């Protein structure tokens, strides 16, 4: 399980660095955070 979380975290970090290069990163960052929080609620 922890391996899965680490993999997801790495992927999310890559995704975040990609977002920072994009112009609409504030919008996508907010959307991503909301999505992650929702997923967290489902998982836990």
C-alpha atoms as a PDB file:
ATOM      1  CA  UNK A   1       0.000   0.000   0.000  1.00  0.00           C
ATOM      2  CA  UNK A   2       2.766   2.440   0.923  1.00  0.00           C
ATOM      3  CA  UNK A   3       4.491   1.672  -2.387  1.00  0.00           C
ATOM      4  CA  UNK A   4       1.310   2.641  -4.221  1.00  0.00           C
ATOM      5  CA  UNK A   5       1.111   5.898  -2.252  1.00  0.00           C
ATOM      6  CA  UNK A   6       4.783   6.670  -2.995  1.00  0.00           C
ATOM      7  CA  UNK A   7       4.199   6.042  -6.697  1.00  0.00           C
ATOM      8  CA  UNK A   8       1.130   8.276  -6.694  1.00  0.00           C
ATOM      9  CA  UNK A   9       3.041  10.975  -4.801  1.00  0.00           C
ATOM     10  CA  UNK A  10       5.877  10.895  -7.336  1.00  0.00           C
ATOM     11  CA  UNK A  11       3.406  11.114 -10.202  1.00  0.00           C
ATOM     12  CA  UNK A  12       1.602  13.980  -8.501  1.00  0.00           C
ATOM     13  CA  UNK A  13       4.904  15.813  -7.985  1.00  0.00           C
ATOM     14  CA  UNK A  14       5.720  15.443 -11.694  1.00  0.00           C
ATOM     15  CA  UNK A  15       2.224  16.683 -12.486  1.00  0.00           C
ATOM     16  CA  UNK A  16       2.691  19.694 -10.209  1.00  0.00           C
ATOM     17  CA  UNK A  17       6.001  20.668 -11.809  1.00  0.00           C
ATOM     18  CA  UNK A  18       4.300  20.407 -15.206  1.00  0.00           C
ATOM     19  CA  UNK A  19       1.477  22.625 -13.949  1.00  0.00           C
ATOM     20  CA  UNK A  20       3.906  25.284 -12.767  1.00  0.00           C
ATOM     21  CA  UNK A  21       5.106  25.663 -16.347  1.00  0.00           C
ATOM     22  CA  UNK A  22       1.583  26.070 -17.680  1.00  0.00           C
ATOM     23  CA  UNK A  23      -0.190  29.423 -17.737  1.00  0.00           C
ATOM     24  CA  UNK A  24      -3.381  28.363 -16.037  1.00  0.00           C
ATOM     25  CA  UNK A  25      -1.488  26.662 -13.221  1.00  0.00           C
ATOM     26  CA  UNK A  26      -3.442  28.438 -10.462  1.00  0.00           C
ATOM     27  CA  UNK A  27      -6.746  27.081 -11.764  1.00  0.00           C
ATOM     28  CA  UNK A  28      -5.383  23.568 -12.287  1.00  0.00           C
ATOM     29  CA  UNK A  29      -3.567  23.607  -8.957  1.00  0.00           C
ATOM     30  CA  UNK A  30      -6.799  24.424  -7.128  1.00  0.00           C
ATOM     31  CA  UNK A  31      -8.656  21.738  -9.071  1.00  0.00           C
ATOM     32  CA  UNK A  32      -5.936  19.190  -8.314  1.00  0.00           C
ATOM     33  CA  UNK A  33      -5.946  19.952  -4.595  1.00  0.00           C
ATOM     34  CA  UNK A  34      -9.729  19.578  -4.447  1.00  0.00           C
ATOM     35  CA  UNK A  35      -9.529  16.280  -6.362  1.00  0.00           C
ATOM     36  CA  UNK A  36      -6.807  14.933  -4.061  1.00  0.00           C
ATOM     37  CA  UNK A  37      -8.760  15.905  -0.938  1.00  0.00           C
ATOM     38  CA  UNK A  38     -11.868  14.170  -2.298  1.00  0.00           C
ATOM     39  CA  UNK A  39      -9.876  11.032  -3.109  1.00  0.00           C
ATOM     40  CA  UNK A  40      -8.326  11.131   0.363  1.00  0.00           C
ATOM     41  CA  UNK A  41     -11.817  11.168   1.911  1.00  0.00           C
ATOM     42  CA  UNK A  42     -12.808   8.137  -0.176  1.00  0.00           C
ATOM     43  CA  UNK A  43      -9.617   6.186   0.606  1.00  0.00           C
ATOM     44  CA  UNK A  44      -9.707   6.947   4.338  1.00  0.00           C
END
